[in-house]
Amino acid sequence: MPKHIVRLVLLLVTAGVLAYAGKQFLTVDSFYRFGHYRGNSVADIASDRPKFRTPETCKECHAAKYTEWSKGVHNNPAVGKVVKCEVCHGAAGGRDKNPNSDISSIGTDHPNKLKLDIPSDTVKLCTLCHEQMTGRPKEQKQIVVATHAGDQQCKTCHNVHSPRTFVGALTSTSRPGNAAAGKAISADCAECHGKAGVSDDVNIPSLAGQNETYLADAIKAYKKGARKDALMTGAAKDLSDSAAENLAAYYASLQCKSAQNGEPKLVAKGQVLAQKCVSCHGESGVSPQAMWPSLAGLSKDYLVSSLKSYKAERKNNLMNKIAKDLNDADSAALASFYANASCR
């Protein structure tokens, strides 16, 4: 037999012997006991505490939040939208601090603490799914982060457990009022706001056609001192909550009329600036949210004055930030756009 054939056969035999020896000495005895698993590891795997425990684990201690989540868009398997509690709050078990996470650890076993890890940066979290990107499904709400709400946190406006629900709607205590009853007590308001809710004074807002919930909440805020104005505080102090709601229903039922006193040459610039206001006040200034005011058709002078007050003393986290970033020319342009817009 040729020498090279002999050498090849010896090499193959040696490789076979080494492979067999390796299998015998290097393979764990329990390997293949349960398929491609090391049988003795099953007990270790089974003893490891589950890291993710599903929303049902949260239900007993966090019933209110669970209800908001379960009825909201984040729990809608029919359209493929299921964002569970632990996606945002971290695993319920084994919560050792992750050095690459900004979520603080509260211990290794969450139920012993009865608190959730709360992500501090909701913009960073929410935009993982909702930042506008090419190719994302249209069913998934998308925003352009830079123009949507500036650097404001998502939770400023949205209920994080049910994002289609806005924060203002949760804090409003107002109920639908009786327009006829409101008309009967509206005489004292007519001197400033007009007989039909359309003011003749450019410094005083028209109320006709305004959102009912917003009006009722505003009257109550003046009564409680949450909003400051000597005249309005005096007018509201003797009104009951039901009277405030009736007045709001009356003015909301009236036909609005646009002031049309904006400077035409500023309207185009104002329309661009208004893109930051769309989420709350609507594309053309008619708010789709009952607890926020429509701006379309309000007097330019009144709107400019309101923006200045948000810069100075009037408190609203989102509006304070927006007003602060507007100079006088921007305020005039924005007010001109809304003043010349149709309120219908």
C-alpha atoms as a PDB file:
ATOM      1  CA  MET A   1       0.000   0.000   0.000  1.00  0.00           C
ATOM      2  CA  PRO A   2       1.411   3.412  -0.889  1.00  0.00           C
ATOM      3  CA  LYS A   3       2.866   5.345   2.049  1.00  0.00           C
ATOM      4  CA  HIS A   4       0.634   8.350   1.529  1.00  0.00           C
ATOM      5  CA  ILE A   5      -2.482   6.178   1.752  1.00  0.00           C
ATOM      6  CA  VAL A   6      -1.233   4.650   4.979  1.00  0.00           C
ATOM      7  CA  ARG A   7      -0.599   8.091   6.431  1.00  0.00           C
ATOM      8  CA  LEU A   8      -4.110   9.273   5.448  1.00  0.00           C
ATOM      9  CA  VAL A   9      -5.739   6.216   7.062  1.00  0.00           C
ATOM     10  CA  LEU A  10      -3.724   6.729  10.255  1.00  0.00           C
ATOM     11  CA  LEU A  11      -4.730  10.407  10.326  1.00  0.00           C
ATOM     12  CA  LEU A  12      -8.425   9.534   9.985  1.00  0.00           C
ATOM     13  CA  VAL A  13      -8.221   6.848  12.667  1.00  0.00           C
ATOM     14  CA  THR A  14      -6.416   9.247  15.025  1.00  0.00           C
ATOM     15  CA  ALA A  15      -9.057  11.949  14.445  1.00  0.00           C
ATOM     16  CA  GLY A  16     -11.821   9.432  15.143  1.00  0.00           C
ATOM     17  CA  VAL A  17     -10.176   8.280  18.378  1.00  0.00           C
ATOM     18  CA  LEU A  18      -9.700  11.872  19.564  1.00  0.00           C
ATOM     19  CA  ALA A  19     -13.313  12.761  18.711  1.00  0.00           C
ATOM     20  CA  TYR A  20     -14.626   9.748  20.610  1.00  0.00           C
ATOM     21  CA  ALA A  21     -12.397  10.490  23.576  1.00  0.00           C
ATOM     22  CA  GLY A  22     -13.481  14.123  23.562  1.00  0.00           C
ATOM     23  CA  LYS A  23     -17.125  13.133  23.561  1.00  0.00           C
ATOM     24  CA  GLN A  24     -16.596  10.758  26.451  1.00  0.00           C
ATOM     25  CA  PHE A  25     -14.558  13.085  28.637  1.00  0.00           C
ATOM     26  CA  LEU A  26     -15.876  16.543  27.694  1.00  0.00           C
ATOM     27  CA  THR A  27     -19.624  15.965  27.325  1.00  0.00           C
ATOM     28  CA  VAL A  28     -21.664  16.326  30.515  1.00  0.00           C
ATOM     29  CA  ASP A  29     -23.252  13.039  31.607  1.00  0.00           C
ATOM     30  CA  SER A  30     -26.777  14.479  31.620  1.00  0.00           C
ATOM     31  CA  PHE A  31     -26.570  15.885  28.092  1.00  0.00           C
ATOM     32  CA  TYR A  32     -29.411  14.664  25.827  1.00  0.00           C
ATOM     33  CA  ARG A  33     -31.473  13.468  28.796  1.00  0.00           C
ATOM     34  CA  PHE A  34     -34.187  15.936  27.778  1.00  0.00           C
ATOM     35  CA  GLY A  35     -33.334  16.470  24.134  1.00  0.00           C
ATOM     36  CA  HIS A  36     -30.638  19.039  23.454  1.00  0.00           C
ATOM     37  CA  TYR A  37     -30.403  20.049  27.107  1.00  0.00           C
ATOM     38  CA  ARG A  38     -28.135  19.251  30.016  1.00  0.00           C
ATOM     39  CA  GLY A  39     -30.544  17.383  32.226  1.00  0.00           C
ATOM     40  CA  ASN A  40     -28.970  18.462  35.494  1.00  0.00           C
ATOM     41  CA  SER A  41     -29.501  22.160  34.548  1.00  0.00           C
ATOM     42  CA  VAL A  42     -33.290  21.856  34.479  1.00  0.00           C
ATOM     43  CA  ALA A  43     -33.532  22.285  38.246  1.00  0.00           C
ATOM     44  CA  ASP A  44     -31.369  25.422  38.087  1.00  0.00           C
ATOM     45  CA  ILE A  45     -33.488  26.896  35.301  1.00  0.00           C
ATOM     46  CA  ALA A  46     -36.713  26.093  37.131  1.00  0.00           C
ATOM     47  CA  SER A  47     -35.496  27.687  40.349  1.00  0.00           C
ATOM     48  CA  ASP A  48     -34.675  31.010  38.676  1.00  0.00           C
ATOM     49  CA  ARG A  49     -37.326  33.594  39.549  1.00  0.00           C
ATOM     50  CA  PRO A  50     -39.309  34.787  36.477  1.00  0.00           C
ATOM     51  CA  LYS A  51     -38.209  38.286  35.447  1.00  0.00           C
ATOM     52  CA  PHE A  52     -41.396  39.234  33.588  1.00  0.00           C
ATOM     53  CA  ARG A  53     -44.657  38.549  35.376  1.00  0.00           C
ATOM     54  CA  THR A  54     -47.292  40.034  33.008  1.00  0.00           C
ATOM     55  CA  PRO A  55     -49.771  42.864  33.754  1.00  0.00           C
ATOM     56  CA  GLU A  56     -51.973  40.520  35.765  1.00  0.00           C
ATOM     57  CA  THR A  57     -49.346  40.639  38.510  1.00  0.00           C
ATOM     58  CA  CYS A  58     -49.746  44.437  38.671  1.00  0.00           C
ATOM     59  CA  LYS A  59     -53.537  44.412  38.748  1.00  0.00           C
ATOM     60  CA  GLU A  60     -54.125  43.805  42.463  1.00  0.00           C
ATOM     61  CA  CYS A  61     -51.899  46.612  43.766  1.00  0.00           C
ATOM     62  CA  HIS A  62     -52.249  49.076  40.886  1.00  0.00           C
ATOM     63  CA  ALA A  63     -55.908  48.655  39.971  1.00  0.00           C
ATOM     64  CA  ALA A  64     -56.493  52.232  38.723  1.00  0.00           C
ATOM     65  CA  LYS A  65     -53.431  52.253  36.473  1.00  0.00           C
ATOM     66  CA  TYR A  66     -54.229  48.745  35.265  1.00  0.00           C
ATOM     67  CA  THR A  67     -57.754  49.840  34.311  1.00  0.00           C
ATOM     68  CA  GLU A  68     -56.473  52.847  32.357  1.00  0.00           C
ATOM     69  CA  TRP A  69     -53.960  50.659  30.538  1.00  0.00           C
ATOM     70  CA  SER A  70     -56.328  47.772  29.836  1.00  0.00           C
ATOM     71  CA  LYS A  71     -58.929  50.079  28.262  1.00  0.00           C
ATOM     72  CA  GLY A  72     -56.399  52.177  26.365  1.00  0.00           C
ATOM     73  CA  VAL A  73     -54.760  51.904  22.962  1.00  0.00           C
ATOM     74  CA  HIS A  74     -51.669  50.275  24.472  1.00  0.00           C
ATOM     75  CA  ASN A  75     -53.715  47.134  25.110  1.00  0.00           C
ATOM     76  CA  ASN A  76     -55.357  46.473  21.761  1.00  0.00           C
ATOM     77  CA  PRO A  77     -54.301  43.036  20.450  1.00  0.00           C
ATOM     78  CA  ALA A  78     -56.860  43.307  17.631  1.00  0.00           C
ATOM     79  CA  VAL A  79     -54.682  45.866  15.874  1.00  0.00           C
ATOM     80  CA  GLY A  80     -51.387  44.510  17.145  1.00  0.00           C
ATOM     81  CA  LYS A  81     -50.798  47.127  19.842  1.00  0.00           C
ATOM     82  CA  VAL A  82     -49.808  45.622  23.174  1.00  0.00           C
ATOM     83  CA  VAL A  83     -47.394  47.580  25.346  1.00  0.00           C
ATOM     84  CA  LYS A  84     -47.336  45.844  28.714  1.00  0.00           C
ATOM     85  CA  CYS A  85     -46.480  47.340  32.100  1.00  0.00           C
ATOM     86  CA  GLU A  86     -42.973  45.876  32.236  1.00  0.00           C
ATOM     87  CA  VAL A  87     -41.997  47.362  28.873  1.00  0.00           C
ATOM     88  CA  CYS A  88     -41.871  50.802  30.505  1.00  0.00           C
ATOM     89  CA  HIS A  89     -41.512  50.028  34.205  1.00  0.00           C
ATOM     90  CA  GLY A  90     -38.983  47.222  34.018  1.00  0.00           C
ATOM     91  CA  ALA A  91     -39.257  43.570  34.964  1.00  0.00           C
ATOM     92  CA  ALA A  92     -41.277  42.845  38.081  1.00  0.00           C
ATOM     93  CA  GLY A  93     -38.774  40.255  39.266  1.00  0.00           C
ATOM     94  CA  GLY A  94     -34.993  40.345  39.416  1.00  0.00           C
ATOM     95  CA  ARG A  95     -34.730  44.149  39.295  1.00  0.00           C
ATOM     96  CA  ASP A  96     -31.015  44.444  39.864  1.00  0.00           C
ATOM     97  CA  LYS A  97     -29.680  47.760  38.605  1.00  0.00           C
ATOM     98  CA  ASN A  98     -28.785  47.700  34.918  1.00  0.00           C
ATOM     99  CA  PRO A  99     -25.766  50.000  34.421  1.00  0.00           C
ATOM    100  CA  ASN A 100     -26.996  50.805  30.897  1.00  0.00           C
ATOM    101  CA  SER A 101     -30.477  51.828  32.026  1.00  0.00           C
ATOM    102  CA  ASP A 102     -31.765  55.104  33.441  1.00  0.00           C
ATOM    103  CA  ILE A 103     -34.437  53.225  35.390  1.00  0.00           C
ATOM    104  CA  SER A 104     -33.546  53.144  39.075  1.00  0.00           C
ATOM    105  CA  SER A 105     -33.534  49.861  40.939  1.00  0.00           C
ATOM    106  CA  ILE A 106     -35.867  49.397  43.900  1.00  0.00           C
ATOM    107  CA  GLY A 107     -34.646  45.979  44.883  1.00  0.00           C
ATOM    108  CA  THR A 108     -34.727  42.488  43.464  1.00  0.00           C
ATOM    109  CA  ASP A 109     -38.337  41.685  44.247  1.00  0.00           C
ATOM    110  CA  HIS A 110     -40.796  44.426  43.278  1.00  0.00           C
ATOM    111  CA  PRO A 111     -43.912  43.220  45.178  1.00  0.00           C
ATOM    112  CA  ASN A 112     -42.041  43.687  48.476  1.00  0.00           C
ATOM    113  CA  LYS A 113     -41.766  47.412  47.731  1.00  0.00           C
ATOM    114  CA  LEU A 114     -45.143  48.038  46.115  1.00  0.00           C
ATOM    115  CA  LYS A 115     -43.695  50.786  43.945  1.00  0.00           C
ATOM    116  CA  LEU A 116     -42.940  51.014  40.258  1.00  0.00           C
ATOM    117  CA  ASP A 117     -39.792  52.253  38.604  1.00  0.00           C
ATOM    118  CA  ILE A 118     -40.890  55.450  36.858  1.00  0.00           C
ATOM    119  CA  PRO A 119     -38.933  56.390  33.715  1.00  0.00           C
ATOM    120  CA  SER A 120     -37.946  60.044  33.987  1.00  0.00           C
ATOM    121  CA  ASP A 121     -37.600  60.717  30.259  1.00  0.00           C
ATOM    122  CA  THR A 122     -40.964  59.945  28.631  1.00  0.00           C
ATOM    123  CA  VAL A 123     -39.865  61.581  25.373  1.00  0.00           C
ATOM    124  CA  LYS A 124     -37.011  59.099  25.013  1.00  0.00           C
ATOM    125  CA  LEU A 125     -39.344  56.217  25.850  1.00  0.00           C
ATOM    126  CA  CYS A 126     -42.451  57.128  23.841  1.00  0.00           C
ATOM    127  CA  THR A 127     -40.597  58.116  20.686  1.00  0.00           C
ATOM    128  CA  LEU A 128     -39.147  54.614  20.400  1.00  0.00           C
ATOM    129  CA  CYS A 129     -42.498  53.817  18.795  1.00  0.00           C
ATOM    130  CA  HIS A 130     -44.018  57.188  17.923  1.00  0.00           C
ATOM    131  CA  GLU A 131     -41.253  59.215  16.261  1.00  0.00           C
ATOM    132  CA  GLN A 132     -42.125  59.730  12.599  1.00  0.00           C
ATOM    133  CA  MET A 133     -40.079  57.397  10.422  1.00  0.00           C
ATOM    134  CA  THR A 134     -40.415  56.184   6.862  1.00  0.00           C
ATOM    135  CA  GLY A 135     -41.969  52.751   6.700  1.00  0.00           C
ATOM    136  CA  ARG A 136     -43.769  52.785  10.017  1.00  0.00           C
ATOM    137  CA  PRO A 137     -47.431  51.717   9.799  1.00  0.00           C
ATOM    138  CA  LYS A 138     -49.912  54.578   9.560  1.00  0.00           C
ATOM    139  CA  GLU A 139     -52.009  52.981  12.305  1.00  0.00           C
ATOM    140  CA  GLN A 140     -49.201  53.844  14.722  1.00  0.00           C
ATOM    141  CA  LYS A 141     -49.450  57.510  15.724  1.00  0.00           C
ATOM    142  CA  GLN A 142     -46.313  59.348  14.655  1.00  0.00           C
ATOM    143  CA  ILE A 143     -44.944  62.767  15.518  1.00  0.00           C
ATOM    144  CA  VAL A 144     -42.119  65.016  14.398  1.00  0.00           C
ATOM    145  CA  VAL A 145     -40.393  65.408  17.752  1.00  0.00           C
ATOM    146  CA  ALA A 146     -38.846  68.817  17.083  1.00  0.00           C
ATOM    147  CA  THR A 147     -42.162  70.498  16.274  1.00  0.00           C
ATOM    148  CA  HIS A 148     -44.624  68.454  18.304  1.00  0.00           C
ATOM    149  CA  ALA A 149     -44.102  69.903  21.775  1.00  0.00           C
ATOM    150  CA  GLY A 150     -40.557  71.183  21.944  1.00  0.00           C
ATOM    151  CA  ASP A 151     -38.681  69.657  24.857  1.00  0.00           C
ATOM    152  CA  GLN A 152     -41.789  69.082  26.954  1.00  0.00           C
ATOM    153  CA  GLN A 153     -42.274  65.616  28.419  1.00  0.00           C
ATOM    154  CA  CYS A 154     -45.040  63.506  26.857  1.00  0.00           C
ATOM    155  CA  LYS A 155     -46.698  63.103  30.266  1.00  0.00           C
ATOM    156  CA  THR A 156     -47.318  66.875  30.385  1.00  0.00           C
ATOM    157  CA  CYS A 157     -50.274  66.359  28.054  1.00  0.00           C
ATOM    158  CA  HIS A 158     -50.846  62.623  27.757  1.00  0.00           C
ATOM    159  CA  ASN A 159     -51.976  60.085  30.298  1.00  0.00           C
ATOM    160  CA  VAL A 160     -49.067  57.685  29.902  1.00  0.00           C
ATOM    161  CA  HIS A 161     -51.211  54.625  30.609  1.00  0.00           C
ATOM    162  CA  SER A 162     -53.785  55.601  27.986  1.00  0.00           C
ATOM    163  CA  PRO A 163     -52.088  58.118  25.649  1.00  0.00           C
ATOM    164  CA  ARG A 164     -55.216  59.081  23.721  1.00  0.00           C
ATOM    165  CA  THR A 165     -56.568  60.451  26.980  1.00  0.00           C
ATOM    166  CA  PHE A 166     -55.222  63.906  27.721  1.00  0.00           C
ATOM    167  CA  VAL A 167     -54.217  64.990  31.197  1.00  0.00           C
ATOM    168  CA  GLY A 168     -56.646  67.894  31.270  1.00  0.00           C
ATOM    169  CA  ALA A 169     -59.570  65.584  30.687  1.00  0.00           C
ATOM    170  CA  LEU A 170     -58.646  63.642  33.797  1.00  0.00           C
ATOM    171  CA  THR A 171     -58.473  66.689  36.031  1.00  0.00           C
ATOM    172  CA  SER A 172     -61.675  68.348  34.811  1.00  0.00           C
ATOM    173  CA  THR A 173     -64.625  68.032  37.187  1.00  0.00           C
ATOM    174  CA  SER A 174     -67.070  69.836  34.915  1.00  0.00           C
ATOM    175  CA  ARG A 175     -70.237  68.219  33.615  1.00  0.00           C
ATOM    176  CA  PRO A 176     -72.475  69.249  30.704  1.00  0.00           C
ATOM    177  CA  GLY A 177     -74.535  72.278  31.692  1.00  0.00           C
ATOM    178  CA  ASN A 178     -77.980  73.605  30.826  1.00  0.00           C
ATOM    179  CA  ALA A 179     -77.753  76.283  28.121  1.00  0.00           C
ATOM    180  CA  ALA A 180     -81.182  77.755  28.908  1.00  0.00           C
ATOM    181  CA  ALA A 181     -80.293  78.124  32.576  1.00  0.00           C
ATOM    182  CA  GLY A 182     -76.994  79.679  31.576  1.00  0.00           C
ATOM    183  CA  LYS A 183     -78.691  82.256  29.373  1.00  0.00           C
ATOM    184  CA  ALA A 184     -80.860  83.343  32.292  1.00  0.00           C
ATOM    185  CA  ILE A 185     -77.786  84.309  34.351  1.00  0.00           C
ATOM    186  CA  SER A 186     -75.604  85.655  31.533  1.00  0.00           C
ATOM    187  CA  ALA A 187     -76.700  89.310  31.719  1.00  0.00           C
ATOM    188  CA  ASP A 188     -73.807  90.314  33.980  1.00  0.00           C
ATOM    189  CA  CYS A 189     -71.326  88.849  31.484  1.00  0.00           C
ATOM    190  CA  ALA A 190     -72.728  90.676  28.443  1.00  0.00           C
ATOM    191  CA  GLU A 191     -71.188  94.031  29.313  1.00  0.00           C
ATOM    192  CA  CYS A 192     -67.683  92.656  28.715  1.00  0.00           C
ATOM    193  CA  HIS A 193     -68.178  89.595  26.520  1.00  0.00           C
ATOM    194  CA  GLY A 194     -71.029  90.863  24.359  1.00  0.00           C
ATOM    195  CA  LYS A 195     -74.741  90.164  24.364  1.00  0.00           C
ATOM    196  CA  ALA A 196     -74.313  87.139  22.103  1.00  0.00           C
ATOM    197  CA  GLY A 197     -70.903  86.192  23.457  1.00  0.00           C
ATOM    198  CA  VAL A 198     -69.025  88.216  20.821  1.00  0.00           C
ATOM    199  CA  SER A 199     -66.972  90.946  22.490  1.00  0.00           C
ATOM    200  CA  ASP A 200     -66.675  94.459  21.038  1.00  0.00           C
ATOM    201  CA  ASP A 201     -63.505  95.068  23.044  1.00  0.00           C
ATOM    202  CA  VAL A 202     -60.365  93.669  21.378  1.00  0.00           C
ATOM    203  CA  ASN A 203     -58.782  93.132  24.794  1.00  0.00           C
ATOM    204  CA  ILE A 204     -61.623  90.916  26.053  1.00  0.00           C
ATOM    205  CA  PRO A 205     -62.200  87.438  24.597  1.00  0.00           C
ATOM    206  CA  SER A 206     -65.371  86.413  22.803  1.00  0.00           C
ATOM    207  CA  LEU A 207     -66.941  83.354  24.409  1.00  0.00           C
ATOM    208  CA  ALA A 208     -69.423  82.338  21.713  1.00  0.00           C
ATOM    209  CA  GLY A 209     -68.695  78.866  20.357  1.00  0.00           C
ATOM    210  CA  GLN A 210     -65.863  78.203  22.804  1.00  0.00           C
ATOM    211  CA  ASN A 211     -65.355  74.671  24.187  1.00  0.00           C
ATOM    212  CA  GLU A 212     -67.815  74.084  27.017  1.00  0.00           C
ATOM    213  CA  THR A 213     -65.510  72.128  29.323  1.00  0.00           C
ATOM    214  CA  TYR A 214     -62.758  74.711  28.958  1.00  0.00           C
ATOM    215  CA  LEU A 215     -65.136  77.582  29.791  1.00  0.00           C
ATOM    216  CA  ALA A 216     -66.550  75.825  32.848  1.00  0.00           C
ATOM    217  CA  ASP A 217     -63.078  74.962  34.142  1.00  0.00           C
ATOM    218  CA  ALA A 218     -61.891  78.542  33.531  1.00  0.00           C
ATOM    219  CA  ILE A 219     -64.776  80.051  35.522  1.00  0.00           C
ATOM    220  CA  LYS A 220     -64.107  77.651  38.396  1.00  0.00           C
ATOM    221  CA  ALA A 221     -60.403  78.481  38.272  1.00  0.00           C
ATOM    222  CA  TYR A 222     -61.187  82.203  38.698  1.00  0.00           C
ATOM    223  CA  LYS A 223     -63.485  81.355  41.600  1.00  0.00           C
ATOM    224  CA  LYS A 224     -60.797  79.304  43.370  1.00  0.00           C
ATOM    225  CA  GLY A 225     -58.015  81.774  42.654  1.00  0.00           C
ATOM    226  CA  ALA A 226     -56.106  79.423  40.365  1.00  0.00           C
ATOM    227  CA  ARG A 227     -56.447  82.080  37.655  1.00  0.00           C
ATOM    228  CA  LYS A 228     -55.928  85.734  38.532  1.00  0.00           C
ATOM    229  CA  ASP A 229     -58.077  88.618  37.293  1.00  0.00           C
ATOM    230  CA  ALA A 230     -59.750  91.085  39.655  1.00  0.00           C
ATOM    231  CA  LEU A 231     -62.906  91.464  37.560  1.00  0.00           C
ATOM    232  CA  MET A 232     -63.345  87.793  36.728  1.00  0.00           C
ATOM    233  CA  THR A 233     -62.589  86.682  40.287  1.00  0.00           C
ATOM    234  CA  GLY A 234     -65.304  89.008  41.566  1.00  0.00           C
ATOM    235  CA  ALA A 235     -67.785  87.794  38.941  1.00  0.00           C
ATOM    236  CA  ALA A 236     -67.082  84.112  39.582  1.00  0.00           C
ATOM    237  CA  LYS A 237     -66.891  84.056  43.379  1.00  0.00           C
ATOM    238  CA  ASP A 238     -70.675  83.837  43.883  1.00  0.00           C
ATOM    239  CA  LEU A 239     -71.270  81.230  41.170  1.00  0.00           C
ATOM    240  CA  SER A 240     -71.877  77.627  42.111  1.00  0.00           C
ATOM    241  CA  ASP A 241     -70.207  74.908  40.045  1.00  0.00           C
ATOM    242  CA  SER A 242     -73.509  74.109  38.351  1.00  0.00           C
ATOM    243  CA  ALA A 243     -74.025  77.799  37.479  1.00  0.00           C
ATOM    244  CA  ALA A 244     -70.535  77.898  35.954  1.00  0.00           C
ATOM    245  CA  GLU A 245     -71.351  74.815  33.909  1.00  0.00           C
ATOM    246  CA  ASN A 246     -74.674  76.307  32.762  1.00  0.00           C
ATOM    247  CA  LEU A 247     -72.975  79.529  31.667  1.00  0.00           C
ATOM    248  CA  ALA A 248     -70.371  77.521  29.781  1.00  0.00           C
ATOM    249  CA  ALA A 249     -73.074  75.500  28.030  1.00  0.00           C
ATOM    250  CA  TYR A 250     -74.871  78.692  26.987  1.00  0.00           C
ATOM    251  CA  TYR A 251     -71.826  80.377  25.480  1.00  0.00           C
ATOM    252  CA  ALA A 252     -70.675  77.158  23.805  1.00  0.00           C
ATOM    253  CA  SER A 253     -74.057  76.959  22.061  1.00  0.00           C
ATOM    254  CA  LEU A 254     -73.775  80.427  20.495  1.00  0.00           C
ATOM    255  CA  GLN A 255     -72.524  81.228  17.010  1.00  0.00           C
ATOM    256  CA  CYS A 256     -68.919  82.363  17.042  1.00  0.00           C
ATOM    257  CA  LYS A 257     -67.573  85.275  14.991  1.00  0.00           C
ATOM    258  CA  SER A 258     -63.927  85.701  13.964  1.00  0.00           C
ATOM    259  CA  ALA A 259     -62.296  88.975  14.994  1.00  0.00           C
ATOM    260  CA  GLN A 260     -60.400  89.280  11.683  1.00  0.00           C
ATOM    261  CA  ASN A 261     -58.145  91.982  13.151  1.00  0.00           C
ATOM    262  CA  GLY A 262     -54.807  90.266  12.518  1.00  0.00           C
ATOM    263  CA  GLU A 263     -52.163  91.827  10.305  1.00  0.00           C
ATOM    264  CA  PRO A 264     -52.455  90.062   6.899  1.00  0.00           C
ATOM    265  CA  LYS A 265     -48.726  90.269   6.200  1.00  0.00           C
ATOM    266  CA  LEU A 266     -47.988  88.326   9.403  1.00  0.00           C
ATOM    267  CA  VAL A 267     -50.473  85.488   8.855  1.00  0.00           C
ATOM    268  CA  ALA A 268     -48.118  83.252   6.833  1.00  0.00           C
ATOM    269  CA  LYS A 269     -45.394  83.465   9.474  1.00  0.00           C
ATOM    270  CA  GLY A 270     -47.957  82.863  12.193  1.00  0.00           C
ATOM    271  CA  GLN A 271     -49.215  79.753  10.445  1.00  0.00           C
ATOM    272  CA  VAL A 272     -45.702  78.279  10.523  1.00  0.00           C
ATOM    273  CA  LEU A 273     -45.313  79.105  14.219  1.00  0.00           C
ATOM    274  CA  ALA A 274     -48.737  77.597  14.919  1.00  0.00           C
ATOM    275  CA  GLN A 275     -47.453  74.120  14.064  1.00  0.00           C
ATOM    276  CA  LYS A 276     -46.201  73.915  17.654  1.00  0.00           C
ATOM    277  CA  CYS A 277     -49.754  74.519  18.857  1.00  0.00           C
ATOM    278  CA  VAL A 278     -51.557  71.941  16.712  1.00  0.00           C
ATOM    279  CA  SER A 279     -51.594  69.125  19.293  1.00  0.00           C
ATOM    280  CA  CYS A 280     -53.661  71.171  21.750  1.00  0.00           C
ATOM    281  CA  HIS A 281     -55.396  73.854  19.700  1.00  0.00           C
ATOM    282  CA  GLY A 282     -55.995  72.133  16.387  1.00  0.00           C
ATOM    283  CA  GLU A 283     -54.608  72.608  12.885  1.00  0.00           C
ATOM    284  CA  SER A 284     -56.548  75.820  12.242  1.00  0.00           C
ATOM    285  CA  GLY A 285     -57.046  76.905  15.837  1.00  0.00           C
ATOM    286  CA  VAL A 286     -60.252  74.960  16.530  1.00  0.00           C
ATOM    287  CA  SER A 287     -59.298  72.658  19.379  1.00  0.00           C
ATOM    288  CA  PRO A 288     -60.359  69.011  19.130  1.00  0.00           C
ATOM    289  CA  GLN A 289     -59.909  68.670  22.906  1.00  0.00           C
ATOM    290  CA  ALA A 290     -62.782  69.834  25.097  1.00  0.00           C
ATOM    291  CA  MET A 291     -60.604  70.986  27.983  1.00  0.00           C
ATOM    292  CA  TRP A 292     -58.452  73.296  25.861  1.00  0.00           C
ATOM    293  CA  PRO A 293     -59.592  76.531  24.211  1.00  0.00           C
ATOM    294  CA  SER A 294     -60.101  77.128  20.523  1.00  0.00           C
ATOM    295  CA  LEU A 295     -58.017  80.109  19.419  1.00  0.00           C
ATOM    296  CA  ALA A 296     -59.434  80.616  15.930  1.00  0.00           C
ATOM    297  CA  GLY A 297     -61.165  83.965  15.590  1.00  0.00           C
ATOM    298  CA  LEU A 298     -60.085  85.426  18.936  1.00  0.00           C
ATOM    299  CA  SER A 299     -58.839  89.009  18.849  1.00  0.00           C
ATOM    300  CA  LYS A 300     -55.160  89.551  18.029  1.00  0.00           C
ATOM    301  CA  ASP A 301     -54.843  91.984  20.956  1.00  0.00           C
ATOM    302  CA  TYR A 302     -56.297  89.518  23.436  1.00  0.00           C
ATOM    303  CA  LEU A 303     -54.067  86.683  22.188  1.00  0.00           C
ATOM    304  CA  VAL A 304     -50.907  88.810  22.388  1.00  0.00           C
ATOM    305  CA  SER A 305     -51.884  89.871  25.910  1.00  0.00           C
ATOM    306  CA  SER A 306     -52.429  86.228  26.911  1.00  0.00           C
ATOM    307  CA  LEU A 307     -49.019  85.181  25.602  1.00  0.00           C
ATOM    308  CA  LYS A 308     -47.399  87.988  27.581  1.00  0.00           C
ATOM    309  CA  SER A 309     -49.210  86.895  30.735  1.00  0.00           C
ATOM    310  CA  TYR A 310     -47.887  83.329  30.264  1.00  0.00           C
ATOM    311  CA  LYS A 311     -44.397  84.820  30.140  1.00  0.00           C
ATOM    312  CA  ALA A 312     -45.031  86.730  33.349  1.00  0.00           C
ATOM    313  CA  GLU A 313     -47.489  85.426  35.927  1.00  0.00           C
ATOM    314  CA  ARG A 314     -49.993  82.982  34.423  1.00  0.00           C
ATOM    315  CA  LYS A 315     -49.077  79.381  35.281  1.00  0.00           C
ATOM    316  CA  ASN A 316     -49.209  76.501  32.814  1.00  0.00           C
ATOM    317  CA  ASN A 317     -46.109  74.345  32.309  1.00  0.00           C
ATOM    318  CA  LEU A 318     -46.565  73.849  28.582  1.00  0.00           C
ATOM    319  CA  MET A 319     -47.761  77.367  27.749  1.00  0.00           C
ATOM    320  CA  ASN A 320     -45.066  78.981  29.903  1.00  0.00           C
ATOM    321  CA  LYS A 321     -42.399  77.209  27.857  1.00  0.00           C
ATOM    322  CA  ILE A 322     -43.993  78.056  24.498  1.00  0.00           C
ATOM    323  CA  ALA A 323     -44.540  81.720  25.377  1.00  0.00           C
ATOM    324  CA  LYS A 324     -41.026  82.090  26.729  1.00  0.00           C
ATOM    325  CA  ASP A 325     -39.584  81.101  23.362  1.00  0.00           C
ATOM    326  CA  LEU A 326     -41.674  83.672  21.446  1.00  0.00           C
ATOM    327  CA  ASN A 327     -40.411  87.208  20.955  1.00  0.00           C
ATOM    328  CA  ASP A 328     -42.837  90.108  20.422  1.00  0.00           C
ATOM    329  CA  ALA A 329     -42.756  89.752  16.626  1.00  0.00           C
ATOM    330  CA  ASP A 330     -43.501  86.010  16.846  1.00  0.00           C
ATOM    331  CA  SER A 331     -46.381  86.631  19.256  1.00  0.00           C
ATOM    332  CA  ALA A 332     -47.885  89.210  16.902  1.00  0.00           C
ATOM    333  CA  ALA A 333     -47.589  86.845  13.931  1.00  0.00           C
ATOM    334  CA  LEU A 334     -49.094  83.905  15.813  1.00  0.00           C
ATOM    335  CA  ALA A 335     -51.958  86.056  17.105  1.00  0.00           C
ATOM    336  CA  SER A 336     -52.613  87.431  13.607  1.00  0.00           C
ATOM    337  CA  PHE A 337     -52.922  83.926  12.186  1.00  0.00           C
ATOM    338  CA  TYR A 338     -55.475  82.845  14.770  1.00  0.00           C
ATOM    339  CA  ALA A 339     -57.393  86.143  14.716  1.00  0.00           C
ATOM    340  CA  ASN A 340     -57.936  85.884  10.950  1.00  0.00           C
ATOM    341  CA  ALA A 341     -58.793  82.179  11.017  1.00  0.00           C
ATOM    342  CA  SER A 342     -62.377  80.984  10.718  1.00  0.00           C
ATOM    343  CA  CYS A 343     -63.800  79.966  14.096  1.00  0.00           C
ATOM    344  CA  ARG A 344     -66.347  77.639  12.482  1.00  0.00           C
END
